[in-house]
C-alpha atoms as a PDB file:
ATOM      1  CA  UNK A   1       0.000   0.000   0.000  1.00  0.00           C
ATOM      2  CA  UNK A   2       2.843   2.393   0.831  1.00  0.00           C
ATOM      3  CA  UNK A   3       4.310   1.810  -2.616  1.00  0.00           C
ATOM      4  CA  UNK A   4       0.979   2.693  -4.188  1.00  0.00           C
ATOM      5  CA  UNK A   5       0.747   5.862  -2.137  1.00  0.00           C
ATOM      6  CA  UNK A   6       4.309   6.765  -3.040  1.00  0.00           C
ATOM      7  CA  UNK A   7       3.648   6.130  -6.712  1.00  0.00           C
ATOM      8  CA  UNK A   8       0.560   8.322  -6.582  1.00  0.00           C
ATOM      9  CA  UNK A   9       2.558  11.025  -4.792  1.00  0.00           C
ATOM     10  CA  UNK A  10       5.373  10.843  -7.323  1.00  0.00           C
ATOM     11  CA  UNK A  11       2.890  10.916 -10.183  1.00  0.00           C
ATOM     12  CA  UNK A  12       1.098  13.869  -8.615  1.00  0.00           C
ATOM     13  CA  UNK A  13       4.349  15.733  -8.286  1.00  0.00           C
ATOM     14  CA  UNK A  14       5.204  14.928 -11.876  1.00  0.00           C
ATOM     15  CA  UNK A  15       1.763  16.058 -13.011  1.00  0.00           C
ATOM     16  CA  UNK A  16       2.093  19.193 -10.918  1.00  0.00           C
ATOM     17  CA  UNK A  17       5.468  19.903 -12.430  1.00  0.00           C
ATOM     18  CA  UNK A  18       4.249  19.309 -15.968  1.00  0.00           C
ATOM     19  CA  UNK A  19       0.886  21.054 -15.633  1.00  0.00           C
ATOM     20  CA  UNK A  20       1.760  24.048 -13.505  1.00  0.00           C
ATOM     21  CA  UNK A  21       4.175  26.511 -14.864  1.00  0.00           C
ATOM     22  CA  UNK A  22       6.914  28.619 -13.457  1.00  0.00           C
ATOM     23  CA  UNK A  23       9.692  30.803 -14.539  1.00  0.00           C
ATOM     24  CA  UNK A  24      12.924  29.040 -15.357  1.00  0.00           C
ATOM     25  CA  UNK A  25      14.306  30.050 -11.971  1.00  0.00           C
ATOM     26  CA  UNK A  26      11.415  28.361 -10.158  1.00  0.00           C
ATOM     27  CA  UNK A  27      11.781  25.215 -12.240  1.00  0.00           C
ATOM     28  CA  UNK A  28      15.500  25.109 -11.555  1.00  0.00           C
ATOM     29  CA  UNK A  29      14.849  25.536  -7.835  1.00  0.00           C
ATOM     30  CA  UNK A  30      12.374  22.639  -7.820  1.00  0.00           C
ATOM     31  CA  UNK A  31      14.730  20.424  -9.809  1.00  0.00           C
ATOM     32  CA  UNK A  32      17.566  21.245  -7.378  1.00  0.00           C
ATOM     33  CA  UNK A  33      15.362  20.069  -4.516  1.00  0.00           C
ATOM     34  CA  UNK A  34      14.584  16.874  -6.432  1.00  0.00           C
ATOM     35  CA  UNK A  35      18.301  16.296  -6.943  1.00  0.00           C
ATOM     36  CA  UNK A  36      19.010  16.919  -3.262  1.00  0.00           C
ATOM     37  CA  UNK A  37      16.306  14.458  -2.205  1.00  0.00           C
ATOM     38  CA  UNK A  38      17.474  11.878  -4.728  1.00  0.00           C
ATOM     39  CA  UNK A  39      21.070  12.053  -3.516  1.00  0.00           C
ATOM     40  CA  UNK A  40      20.073  11.607   0.127  1.00  0.00           C
ATOM     41  CA  UNK A  41      17.582   8.858  -0.752  1.00  0.00           C
ATOM     42  CA  UNK A  42      20.153   6.852  -2.713  1.00  0.00           C
ATOM     43  CA  UNK A  43      22.650   7.017   0.144  1.00  0.00           C
ATOM     44  CA  UNK A  44      20.003   6.262   2.761  1.00  0.00           C
ATOM     45  CA  UNK A  45      18.602   3.262   0.903  1.00  0.00           C
ATOM     46  CA  UNK A  46      21.964   1.655   0.156  1.00  0.00           C
ATOM     47  CA  UNK A  47      21.763  -0.561   3.265  1.00  0.00           C
ATOM     48  CA  UNK A  48      17.958  -1.011   3.026  1.00  0.00           C
ATOM     49  CA  UNK A  49      17.577   0.498   6.524  1.00  0.00           C
ATOM     50  CA  UNK A  50      16.534   4.091   7.164  1.00  0.00           C
ATOM     51  CA  UNK A  51      17.836   5.404  10.463  1.00  0.00           C
ATOM     52  CA  UNK A  52      16.364   8.366  12.354  1.00  0.00           C
ATOM     53  CA  UNK A  53      18.899  10.833  10.960  1.00  0.00           C
ATOM     54  CA  UNK A  54      18.232   9.767   7.357  1.00  0.00           C
ATOM     55  CA  UNK A  55      14.464   9.907   7.888  1.00  0.00           C
ATOM     56  CA  UNK A  56      14.731  13.353   9.440  1.00  0.00           C
ATOM     57  CA  UNK A  57      16.837  14.633   6.534  1.00  0.00           C
ATOM     58  CA  UNK A  58      14.528  13.141   3.899  1.00  0.00           C
ATOM     59  CA  UNK A  59      11.429  14.526   5.631  1.00  0.00           C
ATOM     60  CA  UNK A  60      13.018  17.961   5.887  1.00  0.00           C
ATOM     61  CA  UNK A  61      13.751  18.057   2.146  1.00  0.00           C
ATOM     62  CA  UNK A  62      10.297  16.672   1.360  1.00  0.00           C
ATOM     63  CA  UNK A  63       8.710  19.450   3.425  1.00  0.00           C
ATOM     64  CA  UNK A  64      10.655  22.028   1.387  1.00  0.00           C
ATOM     65  CA  UNK A  65       9.518  20.405  -1.859  1.00  0.00           C
ATOM     66  CA  UNK A  66       5.876  20.366  -0.780  1.00  0.00           C
ATOM     67  CA  UNK A  67       5.946  23.965   0.475  1.00  0.00           C
ATOM     68  CA  UNK A  68       7.589  25.238  -2.699  1.00  0.00           C
ATOM     69  CA  UNK A  69       5.197  23.188  -4.829  1.00  0.00           C
ATOM     70  CA  UNK A  70       2.220  24.860  -3.175  1.00  0.00           C
ATOM     71  CA  UNK A  71       3.801  28.274  -3.708  1.00  0.00           C
ATOM     72  CA  UNK A  72       4.350  27.500  -7.398  1.00  0.00           C
ATOM     73  CA  UNK A  73       0.807  26.218  -7.744  1.00  0.00           C
ATOM     74  CA  UNK A  74      -0.630  29.423  -6.306  1.00  0.00           C
ATOM     75  CA  UNK A  75       1.739  31.617  -8.280  1.00  0.00           C
ATOM     76  CA  UNK A  76       1.208  30.064 -11.707  1.00  0.00           C
ATOM     77  CA  UNK A  77      -2.113  28.205 -11.716  1.00  0.00           C
ATOM     78  CA  UNK A  78      -3.762  30.532 -14.257  1.00  0.00           C
ATOM     79  CA  UNK A  79      -0.718  31.374 -16.402  1.00  0.00           C
ATOM     80  CA  UNK A  80      -0.927  29.332 -19.616  1.00  0.00           C
ATOM     81  CA  UNK A  81       2.124  30.945 -21.226  1.00  0.00           C
ATOM     82  CA  UNK A  82       4.272  30.098 -18.230  1.00  0.00           C
ATOM     83  CA  UNK A  83       2.901  26.549 -18.347  1.00  0.00           C
ATOM     84  CA  UNK A  84       4.071  26.129 -21.935  1.00  0.00           C
ATOM     85  CA  UNK A  85       7.480  27.589 -21.131  1.00  0.00           C
ATOM     86  CA  UNK A  86       7.803  25.346 -18.120  1.00  0.00           C
ATOM     87  CA  UNK A  87       6.781  22.202 -20.001  1.00  0.00           C
ATOM     88  CA  UNK A  88       9.314  22.996 -22.690  1.00  0.00           C
ATOM     89  CA  UNK A  89      12.090  23.428 -20.141  1.00  0.00           C
ATOM     90  CA  UNK A  90      11.097  20.320 -18.224  1.00  0.00           C
ATOM     91  CA  UNK A  91      11.049  18.204 -21.377  1.00  0.00           C
ATOM     92  CA  UNK A  92      14.738  18.835 -21.959  1.00  0.00           C
ATOM     93  CA  UNK A  93      16.565  15.547 -21.591  1.00  0.00           C
ATOM     94  CA  UNK A  94      18.664  16.514 -18.558  1.00  0.00           C
ATOM     95  CA  UNK A  95      15.615  17.769 -16.647  1.00  0.00           C
ATOM     96  CA  UNK A  96      13.525  14.747 -17.577  1.00  0.00           C
ATOM     97  CA  UNK A  97      16.295  12.537 -16.177  1.00  0.00           C
ATOM     98  CA  UNK A  98      16.262  14.439 -12.875  1.00  0.00           C
ATOM     99  CA  UNK A  99      12.543  13.809 -12.435  1.00  0.00           C
ATOM    100  CA  UNK A 100      12.889  10.125 -13.377  1.00  0.00           C
ATOM    101  CA  UNK A 101      15.763   9.621 -10.919  1.00  0.00           C
ATOM    102  CA  UNK A 102      13.775  11.367  -8.203  1.00  0.00           C
ATOM    103  CA  UNK A 103      10.739   9.161  -8.820  1.00  0.00           C
ATOM    104  CA  UNK A 104      12.882   6.020  -8.833  1.00  0.00           C
ATOM    105  CA  UNK A 105      14.557   7.071  -5.571  1.00  0.00           C
ATOM    106  CA  UNK A 106      11.133   7.549  -3.976  1.00  0.00           C
ATOM    107  CA  UNK A 107      10.139   4.034  -4.981  1.00  0.00           C
ATOM    108  CA  UNK A 108      13.366   2.473  -3.666  1.00  0.00           C
ATOM    109  CA  UNK A 109      12.916   4.108  -0.262  1.00  0.00           C
ATOM    110  CA  UNK A 110       9.659   2.264   0.372  1.00  0.00           C
ATOM    111  CA  UNK A 111      11.448  -1.085   0.257  1.00  0.00           C
ATOM    112  CA  UNK A 112      13.619  -0.033   3.183  1.00  0.00           C
ATOM    113  CA  UNK A 113      13.114  -0.786   6.843  1.00  0.00           C
ATOM    114  CA  UNK A 114      11.852   2.388   8.512  1.00  0.00           C
ATOM    115  CA  UNK A 115      10.076   3.699   5.403  1.00  0.00           C
ATOM    116  CA  UNK A 116       6.838   3.960   7.338  1.00  0.00           C
ATOM    117  CA  UNK A 117       8.334   7.009   9.078  1.00  0.00           C
ATOM    118  CA  UNK A 118       8.766   8.978   5.864  1.00  0.00           C
ATOM    119  CA  UNK A 119       6.302  11.724   5.062  1.00  0.00           C
END
């Protein structure tokens, strides 16, 4: 069930990122947060056990991602031109890879002991 929830969350984030627009600076900021989370998640999941420190760090980054996502949603929800610009930027190969790695890292975390403590 946790994997399903995580998949839905990851898909929602991906849909949010592809349907809501932002300036290039906002997109870059979001992608940086994805990269940060991915890096920590890969290290944390390497032993298949998430300790308290790793969980705390992952939850802290996740909180930043969620907060910024809500800000972007409010800022750009009615801006169709920004949406098109954002989608174009996000579809660039390097940015697409960041989102895919982030989503994969989210999925790997749920196979770890202690994953139930992640937000």
